[in-house]
Amino acid sequence: MISRAELSALSPDELLRVDAALERMVQDRESGRVPWLCPDPQCDGRPHPGRTGAHSRADQRPPEGDLWDVWLALAGRGWGKTRTGAEWAISMARNLERGALVGPTAADTRDILVEGESGIMACAPATFRPLYEPSKRRLTYPNGAIQICYSADEPDRLRGPQHHYGWLDELASWRRLQYAWDMLQLGMRLGDHPRICITTTPRPLPLIKALLKDEMTAVVRGSTYDNLHNLAPTFRRAVVAKYEGTTLGAQELHAVVLDDLPGALWKRADIIHHDPAQPLPEFRTVTVGMDPAGTGKGDETGLVVVARGVDGRDYVLDDQSEQLSPNRAGNRAFDMLARWGAATVVVEDNGGKDWIEAALRSVWKDRGNKGPMPVERVNASQGKKLRAQPIAARYEQHRTVHAEEFHELEDQMCTWIPEEHSDSPDRVDALVHAVARHVKLYDRGEAAIAAPHQRGGMRGAAGTVHPLERARQARERRRKAGAG
């Protein structure tokens, strides 16, 4: 409580801050906010006497004791990972001065960890709500503690700063995972016992496997079903119904770390990634593979870009697969064609997908094009497994390379077992169509002429710099600037 004498001694600015804090306290009470941690060790998070609002389940409580350095929360979608991480970060700020908040990208860190519905700004109580300064990437708490926001896409920003603790979200989707992890670890050197909280859906990555084996990692596993009563019906329909009963559902819903599966055509060890520090080779041609959505609910349109290099390898450059309307799918396919300087869009039109040519032609005309539409139709008479096997063999021979990590595509590749799945692997189909075109053109003795703007190697249409080369040049400039 604040006495009248203390209030009268406050400056106008301080009075405004007190008034704002009181207003937030009223809002918190009216919204039913209650303390996050529940003293009941068996609590399932549902309202009960003493905790009438949303609060933690027993598996969302931080590990007890000092015998851990990393708290690894491996959980399915909707389990409550973000809320768990945010509450932990807030509790750490009460006693420690400097923390790191790291998301897959800068936008993820801002939109999910800080400003999200379950992020820090939404979870912090009125009396301990931080000031967020986006331009400084910083949160400052009433006690002076600060948290700095980082992007795993920019690991060098973690080089140098020191922290007492860090909250790392969706670690399995970090594109520069090992480098970002190493840079963060080198900065965890403040206080007596620096600690890290990781909240992520699992993937069978070397770092996650290593953390699971480390005796100083406290692991909690959670399923989507643990928190199903708090999830929207639309989520249950769109996500749970899509994945339940599938191999990938074991990962996305039940947080099982999937490894190589018997019967899957691809193994993760066969998927190699291009070194971002090295330039890509010149390209002979670039193809957009397209697998239109079928009639099933939730089907995606597969859209994958593949280039054939002068070294004989195929390079997977982009994956923009998503649930799309016919019009949006056509526009995205032609956007990718233009962006990557591709020669053609290879599209599957069988299996009830004959509508796609008319849709593409309409989009092509609406975009103001008058020339012939750069589309090749594939009427795949073979089964999906027979079409995919030769492409999987190219991966085993390391003749197909991914320009970066495409998590959803790679998950689909390594969890698709043809004999078990009746659903269409849309991303895989798009990939297969694109690579198969290159095999037909270059590996079977058939003549092919690269698009004129591809003869310059890593240059796109009209001599513009290719997007991947532009990104590489930007990274090199940042590296040199940092060294200077």
Foldseek 3Di string as FASTA:
>chain_A
DADPVRQVPDDPVVNVLVVQLVVLQVVCVVVQHDDADDPPLQALQDADVPRRDGHDGNLLDDDDDDLAFEEEEAEAPQQCLLLSLLSVVLVVQVPFAEEEEEELALCCSCDRQDVDCSHNQNNDGSQWHWDDDVVQQWTATPVGHMYHYDHLVCLCVLAPAAGQEYEYEALVPRQNRPSNVVSNVVRNDDDDRRHYYYGHQAEQDPVVVVLVVDSNYHYGYYFNVSRVVVDDPVCCVQPVVVQPPAPVCCRNGRSDHDAFDPQFLAHPVLAAEDDLLDDDAFFQFKEWFWEQFAPDPNGKIWTWIWTQHPVRAIETEDTPIGRDDLLVSLVVNVVVCQQQVGQAYEYEQDDRNVCNVVSNVVNCVVVPDDDDHRYHYDDDPDDPVVLLNVVSVCSNVVRYHYNTDDPVLVVLSRRDRPVVDPDDSNNSNSVSRRVVVVCVDPVPPHDDGYDPQSVVGQAHPPRHGRVSVVVSVVVVVVVVVVVD
